[in-house]
Amino acid sequence: MTRDIKPRPNHREYIRILRRLTPQQRLTKAFELSEFTKQLFIHGLRKRFPNLSEEEFRKLLLERLDKCHNRNY
């Protein structure tokens, strides 16, 4: 069985850099990446639905975000 894994030539360097960060720096980086992901999601959604009003867009965004949350409670 073969594994189709995308080459990651800088992965070792990335891990090395992460290991040098303090816990506080790692947490900050996690928050930054989370915000970046959120903005990317919003931008992509806006591109797919450019004609929605702000109210319609907000409703769609909240519906889509709700689908992302874990339902195991």
N, C-alpha and C. Protein backbone atom coordinates (compact mmCIF):
# COMPACT_ATOMS: atom_id res chain seq x y z
N MET A 1 0.85 -1.17 0.00
CA MET A 1 0.00 0.00 0.00
C MET A 1 0.90 1.24 0.00
N THR A 2 0.67 2.15 -0.94
CA THR A 2 1.46 3.38 -1.01
C THR A 2 0.74 4.51 -0.32
N ARG A 3 1.52 5.41 0.19
CA ARG A 3 0.96 6.60 0.85
C ARG A 3 1.25 7.81 -0.01
N ASP A 4 0.21 8.50 -0.42
CA ASP A 4 0.37 9.73 -1.20
C ASP A 4 0.45 10.90 -0.24
N ILE A 5 1.66 11.18 0.18
CA ILE A 5 1.89 12.28 1.12
C ILE A 5 2.57 13.41 0.37
N LYS A 6 2.04 14.59 0.53
CA LYS A 6 2.61 15.77 -0.10
C LYS A 6 4.00 16.03 0.48
N PRO A 7 4.97 16.26 -0.37
CA PRO A 7 6.32 16.54 0.13
C PRO A 7 6.33 17.81 1.00
N ARG A 8 7.04 17.74 2.09
CA ARG A 8 7.15 18.88 3.01
C ARG A 8 8.63 19.13 3.29
N PRO A 9 9.31 19.77 2.34
CA PRO A 9 10.77 19.92 2.48
C PRO A 9 11.19 20.76 3.68
N ASN A 10 10.33 21.62 4.18
CA ASN A 10 10.70 22.49 5.30
C ASN A 10 10.13 22.03 6.64
N HIS A 11 9.55 20.87 6.67
CA HIS A 11 8.88 20.40 7.88
C HIS A 11 9.84 20.28 9.07
N ARG A 12 11.00 19.70 8.85
CA ARG A 12 11.97 19.55 9.95
C ARG A 12 12.38 20.91 10.52
N GLU A 13 12.59 21.87 9.62
CA GLU A 13 12.96 23.22 10.06
C GLU A 13 11.82 23.85 10.86
N TYR A 14 10.60 23.67 10.39
CA TYR A 14 9.41 24.19 11.08
C TYR A 14 9.32 23.62 12.50
N ILE A 15 9.49 22.33 12.63
CA ILE A 15 9.43 21.68 13.95
C ILE A 15 10.57 22.18 14.84
N ARG A 16 11.75 22.33 14.28
CA ARG A 16 12.89 22.84 15.05
C ARG A 16 12.60 24.24 15.59
N ILE A 17 12.03 25.08 14.76
CA ILE A 17 11.69 26.45 15.19
C ILE A 17 10.61 26.42 16.27
N LEU A 18 9.59 25.59 16.08
CA LEU A 18 8.53 25.49 17.09
C LEU A 18 9.07 25.05 18.44
N ARG A 19 10.01 24.14 18.43
CA ARG A 19 10.57 23.63 19.69
C ARG A 19 11.35 24.69 20.44
N ARG A 20 11.85 25.69 19.72
CA ARG A 20 12.61 26.77 20.39
C ARG A 20 11.69 27.84 20.99
N LEU A 21 10.43 27.83 20.63
CA LEU A 21 9.50 28.83 21.15
C LEU A 21 9.13 28.53 22.60
N THR A 22 8.86 29.58 23.34
CA THR A 22 8.36 29.39 24.71
C THR A 22 6.90 28.97 24.62
N PRO A 23 6.36 28.40 25.69
CA PRO A 23 4.93 28.07 25.68
C PRO A 23 4.05 29.28 25.35
N GLN A 24 4.41 30.42 25.86
CA GLN A 24 3.63 31.63 25.59
C GLN A 24 3.69 31.99 24.09
N GLN A 25 4.87 31.86 23.50
CA GLN A 25 5.01 32.14 22.07
C GLN A 25 4.22 31.14 21.23
N ARG A 26 4.22 29.89 21.64
CA ARG A 26 3.44 28.87 20.92
C ARG A 26 1.95 29.17 20.98
N LEU A 27 1.49 29.58 22.15
CA LEU A 27 0.07 29.93 22.30
C LEU A 27 -0.28 31.13 21.43
N THR A 28 0.58 32.13 21.43
CA THR A 28 0.37 33.31 20.58
C THR A 28 0.31 32.89 19.12
N LYS A 29 1.22 32.02 18.70
CA LYS A 29 1.23 31.55 17.32
C LYS A 29 -0.05 30.78 17.00
N ALA A 30 -0.54 29.99 17.93
CA ALA A 30 -1.80 29.26 17.71
C ALA A 30 -2.96 30.23 17.52
N PHE A 31 -3.02 31.28 18.33
CA PHE A 31 -4.07 32.29 18.16
C PHE A 31 -3.96 33.00 16.81
N GLU A 32 -2.73 33.31 16.41
CA GLU A 32 -2.52 33.96 15.11
C GLU A 32 -2.99 33.07 13.97
N LEU A 33 -2.64 31.80 14.03
CA LEU A 33 -3.05 30.87 12.98
C LEU A 33 -4.57 30.67 12.97
N SER A 34 -5.17 30.66 14.14
CA SER A 34 -6.62 30.53 14.24
C SER A 34 -7.31 31.73 13.60
N GLU A 35 -6.82 32.93 13.88
CA GLU A 35 -7.40 34.14 13.30
C GLU A 35 -7.19 34.17 11.79
N PHE A 36 -6.02 33.75 11.33
CA PHE A 36 -5.74 33.70 9.90
C PHE A 36 -6.71 32.74 9.21
N THR A 37 -6.93 31.57 9.80
CA THR A 37 -7.84 30.58 9.24
C THR A 37 -9.26 31.13 9.17
N LYS A 38 -9.68 31.81 10.21
CA LYS A 38 -11.02 32.40 10.24
C LYS A 38 -11.18 33.44 9.12
N GLN A 39 -10.18 34.31 8.95
CA GLN A 39 -10.25 35.33 7.92
C GLN A 39 -10.23 34.71 6.51
N LEU A 40 -9.46 33.66 6.34
CA LEU A 40 -9.41 32.95 5.07
C LEU A 40 -10.76 32.33 4.75
N PHE A 41 -11.39 31.74 5.76
CA PHE A 41 -12.72 31.15 5.61
C PHE A 41 -13.74 32.21 5.20
N ILE A 42 -13.72 33.34 5.89
CA ILE A 42 -14.66 34.43 5.59
C ILE A 42 -14.43 34.95 4.17
N HIS A 43 -13.18 35.14 3.80
CA HIS A 43 -12.86 35.63 2.46
C HIS A 43 -13.37 34.66 1.39
N GLY A 44 -13.14 33.37 1.59
CA GLY A 44 -13.60 32.37 0.63
C GLY A 44 -15.11 32.32 0.52
N LEU A 45 -15.78 32.44 1.65
CA LEU A 45 -17.24 32.43 1.66
C LEU A 45 -17.78 33.67 0.95
N ARG A 46 -17.15 34.81 1.19
CA ARG A 46 -17.57 36.06 0.53
C ARG A 46 -17.38 35.96 -0.99
N LYS A 47 -16.28 35.29 -1.41
CA LYS A 47 -16.05 35.10 -2.84
C LYS A 47 -17.11 34.21 -3.47
N ARG A 48 -17.56 33.21 -2.72
CA ARG A 48 -18.58 32.30 -3.24
C ARG A 48 -19.95 32.93 -3.27
N PHE A 49 -20.21 33.86 -2.37
CA PHE A 49 -21.53 34.49 -2.26
C PHE A 49 -21.39 36.02 -2.24
N PRO A 50 -20.92 36.60 -3.34
CA PRO A 50 -20.64 38.04 -3.35
C PRO A 50 -21.89 38.93 -3.31
N ASN A 51 -23.04 38.39 -3.66
CA ASN A 51 -24.24 39.22 -3.76
C ASN A 51 -25.11 39.23 -2.51
N LEU A 52 -24.67 38.55 -1.46
CA LEU A 52 -25.47 38.54 -0.23
C LEU A 52 -25.33 39.86 0.50
N SER A 53 -26.41 40.27 1.13
CA SER A 53 -26.35 41.46 1.99
C SER A 53 -25.52 41.10 3.22
N GLU A 54 -25.12 42.10 3.97
CA GLU A 54 -24.35 41.85 5.19
C GLU A 54 -25.12 40.95 6.14
N GLU A 55 -26.41 41.18 6.27
CA GLU A 55 -27.24 40.36 7.17
C GLU A 55 -27.31 38.92 6.68
N GLU A 56 -27.51 38.73 5.39
CA GLU A 56 -27.58 37.38 4.82
C GLU A 56 -26.23 36.68 4.95
N PHE A 57 -25.17 37.44 4.70
CA PHE A 57 -23.82 36.86 4.80
C PHE A 57 -23.52 36.44 6.24
N ARG A 58 -23.85 37.28 7.19
CA ARG A 58 -23.62 36.95 8.60
C ARG A 58 -24.38 35.69 9.00
N LYS A 59 -25.62 35.57 8.54
CA LYS A 59 -26.43 34.38 8.84
C LYS A 59 -25.77 33.13 8.24
N LEU A 60 -25.34 33.24 6.98
CA LEU A 60 -24.67 32.11 6.32
C LEU A 60 -23.38 31.75 7.05
N LEU A 61 -22.60 32.76 7.40
CA LEU A 61 -21.34 32.53 8.12
C LEU A 61 -21.59 31.79 9.43
N LEU A 62 -22.55 32.23 10.20
CA LEU A 62 -22.86 31.58 11.48
C LEU A 62 -23.35 30.16 11.28
N GLU A 63 -24.14 29.93 10.24
CA GLU A 63 -24.60 28.57 9.95
C GLU A 63 -23.42 27.66 9.61
N ARG A 64 -22.51 28.17 8.79
CA ARG A 64 -21.35 27.37 8.39
C ARG A 64 -20.42 27.11 9.58
N LEU A 65 -20.21 28.13 10.40
CA LEU A 65 -19.37 27.95 11.58
C LEU A 65 -19.98 26.95 12.55
N ASP A 66 -21.30 26.97 12.66
CA ASP A 66 -21.99 26.04 13.55
C ASP A 66 -21.76 24.59 13.12
N LYS A 67 -21.65 24.38 11.82
CA LYS A 67 -21.40 23.03 11.31
C LYS A 67 -19.98 22.55 11.64
N CYS A 68 -19.09 23.48 11.89
CA CYS A 68 -17.69 23.14 12.17
C CYS A 68 -17.47 22.68 13.60
N HIS A 69 -18.38 22.99 14.48
CA HIS A 69 -18.17 22.70 15.90
C HIS A 69 -18.50 21.25 16.21
N ASN A 70 -17.74 20.68 17.11
CA ASN A 70 -17.91 19.30 17.53
C ASN A 70 -19.24 19.13 18.24
N ARG A 71 -19.98 18.14 17.86
CA ARG A 71 -21.29 17.88 18.45
C ARG A 71 -21.26 16.85 19.59
N ASN A 72 -20.08 16.44 20.00
CA ASN A 72 -19.99 15.44 21.07
C ASN A 72 -20.04 16.10 22.43
N TYR A 73 -21.22 16.24 22.99
CA TYR A 73 -21.34 16.80 24.34
C TYR A 73 -22.36 16.08 25.13
